[in-house]
């Protein structure tokens, strides 16, 4: 398992949901091109994440065919900084 400190936040808007999912990524974050490809091709991606308020890592499978928007936010010392 990777280091338990989040490397980035992944914000996903899923079909039918009014709020974004905020995932704390413990692996290297995907690039914009990767995210776009996953969404276009309906990829089911395996992400290593931690829940908000916890650094317990676990694997989450995300079906990107249901994602309508995505953004990656860099994290620095637990605080988000948009780039």
PDB file of N, CA and C in Angstrom:
ATOM      1  N   UNK A   1       0.854  -1.190   0.000  1.00  0.00           N
ATOM      2  CA  UNK A   1       0.000   0.000   0.000  1.00  0.00           C
ATOM      3  C   UNK A   1       0.892   1.243   0.000  1.00  0.00           C
ATOM      4  N   UNK A   2       0.458   2.280  -0.666  1.00  0.00           N
ATOM      5  CA  UNK A   2       1.239   3.509  -0.679  1.00  0.00           C
ATOM      6  C   UNK A   2       1.206   4.212   0.673  1.00  0.00           C
ATOM      7  N   UNK A   3       2.008   5.272   0.772  1.00  0.00           N
ATOM      8  CA  UNK A   3       2.011   6.109   1.973  1.00  0.00           C
ATOM      9  C   UNK A   3       0.576   6.528   2.267  1.00  0.00           C
ATOM     10  N   UNK A   4       0.216   6.622   3.547  1.00  0.00           N
ATOM     11  CA  UNK A   4      -1.177   6.897   3.906  1.00  0.00           C
ATOM     12  C   UNK A   4      -1.535   8.381   3.880  1.00  0.00           C
ATOM     13  N   UNK A   5      -0.630   9.246   3.421  1.00  0.00           N
ATOM     14  CA  UNK A   5      -0.967  10.661   3.284  1.00  0.00           C
ATOM     15  C   UNK A   5      -1.532  10.905   1.894  1.00  0.00           C
ATOM     16  N   UNK A   6      -2.661  11.597   1.805  1.00  0.00           N
ATOM     17  CA  UNK A   6      -3.259  11.863   0.489  1.00  0.00           C
ATOM     18  C   UNK A   6      -2.317  12.658  -0.407  1.00  0.00           C
ATOM     19  N   UNK A   7      -2.240  12.242  -1.680  1.00  0.00           N
ATOM     20  CA  UNK A   7      -1.424  12.943  -2.672  1.00  0.00           C
ATOM     21  C   UNK A   7      -2.238  13.984  -3.418  1.00  0.00           C
ATOM     22  N   UNK A   8      -3.556  13.758  -3.482  1.00  0.00           N
ATOM     23  CA  UNK A   8      -4.449  14.680  -4.192  1.00  0.00           C
ATOM     24  C   UNK A   8      -5.882  14.343  -3.823  1.00  0.00           C
ATOM     25  N   UNK A   9      -6.777  15.256  -4.172  1.00  0.00           N
ATOM     26  CA  UNK A   9      -8.209  15.005  -4.050  1.00  0.00           C
ATOM     27  C   UNK A   9      -8.765  14.867  -5.457  1.00  0.00           C
ATOM     28  N   UNK A  10      -9.648  13.909  -5.632  1.00  0.00           N
ATOM     29  CA  UNK A  10     -10.348  13.745  -6.900  1.00  0.00           C
ATOM     30  C   UNK A  10     -11.813  14.046  -6.642  1.00  0.00           C
ATOM     31  N   UNK A  11     -12.339  15.062  -7.317  1.00  0.00           N
ATOM     32  CA  UNK A  11     -13.743  15.450  -7.185  1.00  0.00           C
ATOM     33  C   UNK A  11     -14.481  14.939  -8.406  1.00  0.00           C
ATOM     34  N   UNK A  12     -15.498  14.110  -8.185  1.00  0.00           N
ATOM     35  CA  UNK A  12     -16.277  13.522  -9.264  1.00  0.00           C
ATOM     36  C   UNK A  12     -17.745  13.901  -9.139  1.00  0.00           C
ATOM     37  N   UNK A  13     -18.355  14.281 -10.248  1.00  0.00           N
ATOM     38  CA  UNK A  13     -19.804  14.472 -10.298  1.00  0.00           C
ATOM     39  C   UNK A  13     -20.368  13.279 -11.050  1.00  0.00           C
ATOM     40  N   UNK A  14     -21.239  12.545 -10.394  1.00  0.00           N
ATOM     41  CA  UNK A  14     -21.799  11.315 -10.940  1.00  0.00           C
ATOM     42  C   UNK A  14     -23.234  11.570 -11.407  1.00  0.00           C
ATOM     43  N   UNK A  15     -23.625  10.920 -12.496  1.00  0.00           N
ATOM     44  CA  UNK A  15     -24.972  11.053 -13.049  1.00  0.00           C
ATOM     45  C   UNK A  15     -26.010  10.877 -11.939  1.00  0.00           C
ATOM     46  N   UNK A  16     -26.953  11.809 -11.857  1.00  0.00           N
ATOM     47  CA  UNK A  16     -28.049  11.710 -10.901  1.00  0.00           C
ATOM     48  C   UNK A  16     -27.738  12.233  -9.509  1.00  0.00           C
ATOM     49  N   UNK A  17     -26.507  12.658  -9.257  1.00  0.00           N
ATOM     50  CA  UNK A  17     -26.124  13.174  -7.944  1.00  0.00           C
ATOM     51  C   UNK A  17     -26.027  14.692  -7.997  1.00  0.00           C
ATOM     52  N   UNK A  18     -26.391  15.358  -6.908  1.00  0.00           N
ATOM     53  CA  UNK A  18     -26.337  16.820  -6.875  1.00  0.00           C
ATOM     54  C   UNK A  18     -25.056  17.351  -6.243  1.00  0.00           C
ATOM     55  N   UNK A  19     -24.284  16.469  -5.637  1.00  0.00           N
ATOM     56  CA  UNK A  19     -23.030  16.886  -5.006  1.00  0.00           C
ATOM     57  C   UNK A  19     -21.882  16.028  -5.537  1.00  0.00           C
ATOM     58  N   UNK A  20     -20.684  16.608  -5.510  1.00  0.00           N
ATOM     59  CA  UNK A  20     -19.496  15.878  -5.947  1.00  0.00           C
ATOM     60  C   UNK A  20     -19.075  14.852  -4.912  1.00  0.00           C
ATOM     61  N   UNK A  21     -18.455  13.779  -5.385  1.00  0.00           N
ATOM     62  CA  UNK A  21     -17.738  12.861  -4.500  1.00  0.00           C
ATOM     63  C   UNK A  21     -16.344  13.432  -4.338  1.00  0.00           C
ATOM     64  N   UNK A  22     -15.833  13.444  -3.126  1.00  0.00           N
ATOM     65  CA  UNK A  22     -14.476  13.915  -2.868  1.00  0.00           C
ATOM     66  C   UNK A  22     -13.668  12.713  -2.384  1.00  0.00           C
ATOM     67  N   UNK A  23     -12.738  12.262  -3.220  1.00  0.00           N
ATOM     68  CA  UNK A  23     -11.916  11.104  -2.898  1.00  0.00           C
ATOM     69  C   UNK A  23     -10.496  11.565  -2.596  1.00  0.00           C
ATOM     70  N   UNK A  24      -9.953  11.122  -1.477  1.00  0.00           N
ATOM     71  CA  UNK A  24      -8.566  11.427  -1.123  1.00  0.00           C
ATOM     72  C   UNK A  24      -7.692  10.331  -1.713  1.00  0.00           C
ATOM     73  N   UNK A  25      -6.930  10.670  -2.749  1.00  0.00           N
ATOM     74  CA  UNK A  25      -6.121   9.692  -3.466  1.00  0.00           C
ATOM     75  C   UNK A  25      -4.791   9.452  -2.758  1.00  0.00           C
ATOM     76  N   UNK A  26      -4.463   8.194  -2.576  1.00  0.00           N
ATOM     77  CA  UNK A  26      -3.197   7.833  -1.937  1.00  0.00           C
ATOM     78  C   UNK A  26      -2.157   7.401  -2.963  1.00  0.00           C
ATOM     79  N   UNK A  27      -2.581   7.163  -4.202  1.00  0.00           N
ATOM     80  CA  UNK A  27      -1.679   6.878  -5.313  1.00  0.00           C
ATOM     81  C   UNK A  27      -1.423   8.163  -6.082  1.00  0.00           C
ATOM     82  N   UNK A  28      -0.546   8.080  -7.063  1.00  0.00           N
ATOM     83  CA  UNK A  28      -0.318   9.203  -7.971  1.00  0.00           C
ATOM     84  C   UNK A  28      -1.648   9.549  -8.646  1.00  0.00           C
ATOM     85  N   UNK A  29      -2.040  10.818  -8.668  1.00  0.00           N
ATOM     86  CA  UNK A  29      -3.330  11.175  -9.259  1.00  0.00           C
ATOM     87  C   UNK A  29      -3.330  10.982 -10.770  1.00  0.00           C
ATOM     88  N   UNK A  30      -4.495  10.679 -11.342  1.00  0.00           N
ATOM     89  CA  UNK A  30      -4.580  10.563 -12.796  1.00  0.00           C
ATOM     90  C   UNK A  30      -4.429  11.931 -13.443  1.00  0.00           C
ATOM     91  N   UNK A  31      -3.954  11.925 -14.687  1.00  0.00           N
ATOM     92  CA  UNK A  31      -3.846  13.168 -15.447  1.00  0.00           C
ATOM     93  C   UNK A  31      -5.212  13.519 -16.031  1.00  0.00           C
ATOM     94  N   UNK A  32      -5.332  14.748 -16.539  1.00  0.00           N
ATOM     95  CA  UNK A  32      -6.583  15.146 -17.196  1.00  0.00           C
ATOM     96  C   UNK A  32      -6.863  14.245 -18.394  1.00  0.00           C
ATOM     97  N   UNK A  33      -5.823  13.893 -19.144  1.00  0.00           N
ATOM     98  CA  UNK A  33      -5.999  13.020 -20.309  1.00  0.00           C
ATOM     99  C   UNK A  33      -6.480  11.634 -19.890  1.00  0.00           C
ATOM    100  N   UNK A  34      -5.935  11.105 -18.793  1.00  0.00           N
ATOM    101  CA  UNK A  34      -6.396   9.803 -18.296  1.00  0.00           C
ATOM    102  C   UNK A  34      -7.869   9.871 -17.907  1.00  0.00           C
ATOM    103  N   UNK A  35      -8.238  10.903 -17.146  1.00  0.00           N
ATOM    104  CA  UNK A  35      -9.635  11.046 -16.727  1.00  0.00           C
ATOM    105  C   UNK A  35     -10.561  11.155 -17.935  1.00  0.00           C
ATOM    106  N   UNK A  36     -10.178  11.961 -18.908  1.00  0.00           N
ATOM    107  CA  UNK A  36     -11.004  12.121 -20.109  1.00  0.00           C
ATOM    108  C   UNK A  36     -11.148  10.785 -20.837  1.00  0.00           C
ATOM    109  N   UNK A  37     -10.069  10.047 -20.963  1.00  0.00           N
ATOM    110  CA  UNK A  37     -10.118   8.741 -21.616  1.00  0.00           C
ATOM    111  C   UNK A  37     -10.994   7.761 -20.866  1.00  0.00           C
ATOM    112  N   UNK A  38     -10.864   7.745 -19.542  1.00  0.00           N
ATOM    113  CA  UNK A  38     -11.691   6.851 -18.726  1.00  0.00           C
ATOM    114  C   UNK A  38     -13.173   7.173 -18.906  1.00  0.00           C
ATOM    115  N   UNK A  39     -13.503   8.470 -18.920  1.00  0.00           N
ATOM    116  CA  UNK A  39     -14.900   8.874 -19.067  1.00  0.00           C
ATOM    117  C   UNK A  39     -15.416   8.524 -20.466  1.00  0.00           C
ATOM    118  N   UNK A  40     -14.627   8.787 -21.511  1.00  0.00           N
ATOM    119  CA  UNK A  40     -15.047   8.499 -22.886  1.00  0.00           C
ATOM    120  C   UNK A  40     -15.222   7.008 -23.127  1.00  0.00           C
ATOM    121  N   UNK A  41     -14.354   6.191 -22.511  1.00  0.00           N
ATOM    122  CA  UNK A  41     -14.366   4.748 -22.755  1.00  0.00           C
ATOM    123  C   UNK A  41     -15.127   3.948 -21.705  1.00  0.00           C
ATOM    124  N   UNK A  42     -15.688   4.608 -20.709  1.00  0.00           N
ATOM    125  CA  UNK A  42     -16.448   3.915 -19.671  1.00  0.00           C
ATOM    126  C   UNK A  42     -15.611   2.951 -18.854  1.00  0.00           C
ATOM    127  N   UNK A  43     -14.388   3.343 -18.550  1.00  0.00           N
ATOM    128  CA  UNK A  43     -13.453   2.500 -17.801  1.00  0.00           C
ATOM    129  C   UNK A  43     -13.885   2.366 -16.344  1.00  0.00           C
ATOM    130  N   UNK A  44     -13.687   1.172 -15.790  1.00  0.00           N
ATOM    131  CA  UNK A  44     -13.812   0.968 -14.351  1.00  0.00           C
ATOM    132  C   UNK A  44     -12.382   1.003 -13.811  1.00  0.00           C
ATOM    133  N   UNK A  45     -12.067   2.062 -13.052  1.00  0.00           N
ATOM    134  CA  UNK A  45     -10.705   2.269 -12.562  1.00  0.00           C
ATOM    135  C   UNK A  45     -10.604   1.896 -11.084  1.00  0.00           C
ATOM    136  N   UNK A  46      -9.465   1.316 -10.732  1.00  0.00           N
ATOM    137  CA  UNK A  46      -9.163   0.959  -9.339  1.00  0.00           C
ATOM    138  C   UNK A  46      -8.339   2.103  -8.747  1.00  0.00           C
ATOM    139  N   UNK A  47      -8.887   2.742  -7.706  1.00  0.00           N
ATOM    140  CA  UNK A  47      -8.216   3.856  -7.040  1.00  0.00           C
ATOM    141  C   UNK A  47      -7.943   3.490  -5.585  1.00  0.00           C
ATOM    142  N   UNK A  48      -6.775   3.889  -5.083  1.00  0.00           N
ATOM    143  CA  UNK A  48      -6.460   3.693  -3.669  1.00  0.00           C
ATOM    144  C   UNK A  48      -6.777   5.017  -2.975  1.00  0.00           C
ATOM    145  N   UNK A  49      -7.732   4.965  -2.042  1.00  0.00           N
ATOM    146  CA  UNK A  49      -8.262   6.173  -1.421  1.00  0.00           C
ATOM    147  C   UNK A  49      -8.320   6.024   0.098  1.00  0.00           C
ATOM    148  N   UNK A  50      -8.553   7.155   0.764  1.00  0.00           N
ATOM    149  CA  UNK A  50      -8.834   7.177   2.204  1.00  0.00           C
ATOM    150  C   UNK A  50     -10.102   7.988   2.396  1.00  0.00           C
ATOM    151  N   UNK A  51     -10.859   7.658   3.420  1.00  0.00           N
ATOM    152  CA  UNK A  51     -12.064   8.419   3.741  1.00  0.00           C
ATOM    153  C   UNK A  51     -11.668   9.745   4.381  1.00  0.00           C
ATOM    154  N   UNK A  52     -12.525  10.745   4.255  1.00  0.00           N
ATOM    155  CA  UNK A  52     -12.306  12.034   4.910  1.00  0.00           C
ATOM    156  C   UNK A  52     -12.169  11.810   6.409  1.00  0.00           C
ATOM    157  N   UNK A  53     -11.136  12.381   7.033  1.00  0.00           N
ATOM    158  CA  UNK A  53     -10.942  12.257   8.473  1.00  0.00           C
ATOM    159  C   UNK A  53     -10.234  10.985   8.886  1.00  0.00           C
ATOM    160  N   UNK A  54      -9.850  10.156   7.914  1.00  0.00           N
ATOM    161  CA  UNK A  54      -9.153   8.906   8.207  1.00  0.00           C
ATOM    162  C   UNK A  54      -8.097   8.683   7.141  1.00  0.00           C
ATOM    163  N   UNK A  55      -6.994   8.105   7.521  1.00  0.00           N
ATOM    164  CA  UNK A  55      -5.971   7.783   6.536  1.00  0.00           C
ATOM    165  C   UNK A  55      -5.892   6.288   6.294  1.00  0.00           C
ATOM    166  N   UNK A  56      -6.975   5.543   6.628  1.00  0.00           N
ATOM    167  CA  UNK A  56      -7.006   4.107   6.384  1.00  0.00           C
ATOM    168  C   UNK A  56      -7.180   3.873   4.890  1.00  0.00           C
ATOM    169  N   UNK A  57      -6.177   3.314   4.216  1.00  0.00           N
ATOM    170  CA  UNK A  57      -6.286   3.107   2.777  1.00  0.00           C
ATOM    171  C   UNK A  57      -7.182   1.931   2.418  1.00  0.00           C
ATOM    172  N   UNK A  58      -7.893   2.082   1.312  1.00  0.00           N
ATOM    173  CA  UNK A  58      -8.648   0.980   0.744  1.00  0.00           C
ATOM    174  C   UNK A  58      -8.814   1.216  -0.757  1.00  0.00           C
ATOM    175  N   UNK A  59      -9.183   0.169  -1.459  1.00  0.00           N
ATOM    176  CA  UNK A  59      -9.363   0.251  -2.900  1.00  0.00           C
ATOM    177  C   UNK A  59     -10.827   0.545  -3.208  1.00  0.00           C
ATOM    178  N   UNK A  60     -11.037   1.441  -4.153  1.00  0.00           N
ATOM    179  CA  UNK A  60     -12.381   1.792  -4.604  1.00  0.00           C
ATOM    180  C   UNK A  60     -12.412   1.647  -6.121  1.00  0.00           C
ATOM    181  N   UNK A  61     -13.390   0.894  -6.620  1.00  0.00           N
ATOM    182  CA  UNK A  61     -13.581   0.774  -8.061  1.00  0.00           C
ATOM    183  C   UNK A  61     -14.597   1.820  -8.494  1.00  0.00           C
ATOM    184  N   UNK A  62     -14.227   2.638  -9.476  1.00  0.00           N
ATOM    185  CA  UNK A  62     -15.099   3.713  -9.953  1.00  0.00           C
ATOM    186  C   UNK A  62     -15.426   3.466 -11.416  1.00  0.00           C
ATOM    187  N   UNK A  63     -16.722   3.447 -11.736  1.00  0.00           N
ATOM    188  CA  UNK A  63     -17.193   3.291 -13.110  1.00  0.00           C
ATOM    189  C   UNK A  63     -17.265   4.679 -13.735  1.00  0.00           C
ATOM    190  N   UNK A  64     -16.277   5.023 -14.543  1.00  0.00           N
ATOM    191  CA  UNK A  64     -16.195   6.364 -15.106  1.00  0.00           C
ATOM    192  C   UNK A  64     -17.214   6.619 -16.217  1.00  0.00           C
ATOM    193  N   UNK A  65     -17.972   5.590 -16.629  1.00  0.00           N
ATOM    194  CA  UNK A  65     -19.041   5.846 -17.600  1.00  0.00           C
ATOM    195  C   UNK A  65     -20.171   6.635 -16.953  1.00  0.00           C
ATOM    196  N   UNK A  66     -20.222   6.661 -15.625  1.00  0.00           N
ATOM    197  CA  UNK A  66     -21.265   7.387 -14.893  1.00  0.00           C
ATOM    198  C   UNK A  66     -20.806   8.759 -14.408  1.00  0.00           C
ATOM    199  N   UNK A  67     -19.549   9.124 -14.700  1.00  0.00           N
ATOM    200  CA  UNK A  67     -18.979  10.396 -14.246  1.00  0.00           C
ATOM    201  C   UNK A  67     -19.197  11.450 -15.331  1.00  0.00           C
ATOM    202  N   UNK A  68     -19.783  12.596 -14.947  1.00  0.00           N
ATOM    203  CA  UNK A  68     -20.025  13.668 -15.912  1.00  0.00           C
ATOM    204  C   UNK A  68     -19.019  14.806 -15.791  1.00  0.00           C
ATOM    205  N   UNK A  69     -18.331  14.918 -14.662  1.00  0.00           N
ATOM    206  CA  UNK A  69     -17.251  15.888 -14.521  1.00  0.00           C
ATOM    207  C   UNK A  69     -16.271  15.394 -13.468  1.00  0.00           C
ATOM    208  N   UNK A  70     -15.011  15.795 -13.661  1.00  0.00           N
ATOM    209  CA  UNK A  70     -13.956  15.383 -12.727  1.00  0.00           C
ATOM    210  C   UNK A  70     -12.909  16.480 -12.653  1.00  0.00           C
ATOM    211  N   UNK A  71     -12.347  16.648 -11.463  1.00  0.00           N
ATOM    212  CA  UNK A  71     -11.219  17.575 -11.310  1.00  0.00           C
ATOM    213  C   UNK A  71     -10.304  17.044 -10.234  1.00  0.00           C
ATOM    214  N   UNK A  72      -9.019  17.297 -10.424  1.00  0.00           N
ATOM    215  CA  UNK A  72      -7.997  16.884  -9.460  1.00  0.00           C
ATOM    216  C   UNK A  72      -7.515  18.131  -8.746  1.00  0.00           C
ATOM    217  N   UNK A  73      -7.435  18.044  -7.413  1.00  0.00           N
ATOM    218  CA  UNK A  73      -6.966  19.152  -6.584  1.00  0.00           C
ATOM    219  C   UNK A  73      -5.748  18.653  -5.815  1.00  0.00           C
ATOM    220  N   UNK A  74      -4.624  19.355  -5.949  1.00  0.00           N
ATOM    221  CA  UNK A  74      -3.418  18.985  -5.218  1.00  0.00           C
ATOM    222  C   UNK A  74      -3.627  19.207  -3.733  1.00  0.00           C
ATOM    223  N   UNK A  75      -3.055  18.354  -2.909  1.00  0.00           N
ATOM    224  CA  UNK A  75      -3.123  18.540  -1.460  1.00  0.00           C
ATOM    225  C   UNK A  75      -1.730  18.832  -0.925  1.00  0.00           C
ATOM    226  N   UNK A  76      -1.668  19.792  -0.022  1.00  0.00           N
ATOM    227  CA  UNK A  76      -0.411  20.144   0.628  1.00  0.00           C
ATOM    228  C   UNK A  76      -0.670  20.204   2.113  1.00  0.00           C
ATOM    229  N   UNK A  77      -0.048  19.283   2.867  1.00  0.00           N
ATOM    230  CA  UNK A  77      -0.224  19.233   4.311  1.00  0.00           C
ATOM    231  C   UNK A  77      -1.690  19.204   4.719  1.00  0.00           C
ATOM    232  N   UNK A  78      -2.488  18.393   3.973  1.00  0.00           N
ATOM    233  CA  UNK A  78      -3.884  18.222   4.339  1.00  0.00           C
ATOM    234  C   UNK A  78      -4.815  19.316   3.875  1.00  0.00           C
ATOM    235  N   UNK A  79      -4.299  20.331   3.200  1.00  0.00           N
ATOM    236  CA  UNK A  79      -5.156  21.404   2.703  1.00  0.00           C
ATOM    237  C   UNK A  79      -5.170  21.373   1.203  1.00  0.00           C
ATOM    238  N   UNK A  80      -6.306  21.672   0.615  1.00  0.00           N
ATOM    239  CA  UNK A  80      -6.432  21.630  -0.836  1.00  0.00           C
ATOM    240  C   UNK A  80      -5.985  22.919  -1.489  1.00  0.00           C
ATOM    241  N   UNK A  81      -5.275  22.783  -2.600  1.00  0.00           N
ATOM    242  CA  UNK A  81      -4.883  23.936  -3.394  1.00  0.00           C
ATOM    243  C   UNK A  81      -5.227  23.588  -4.842  1.00  0.00           C
ATOM    244  N   UNK A  82      -6.065  24.381  -5.448  1.00  0.00           N
ATOM    245  CA  UNK A  82      -6.483  24.108  -6.822  1.00  0.00           C
ATOM    246  C   UNK A  82      -5.396  24.513  -7.794  1.00  0.00           C
ATOM    247  N   UNK A  83      -5.199  23.691  -8.818  1.00  0.00           N
ATOM    248  CA  UNK A  83      -4.254  24.066  -9.874  1.00  0.00           C
ATOM    249  C   UNK A  83      -4.898  23.928 -11.222  1.00  0.00           C
TER     250      UNK A  83
END
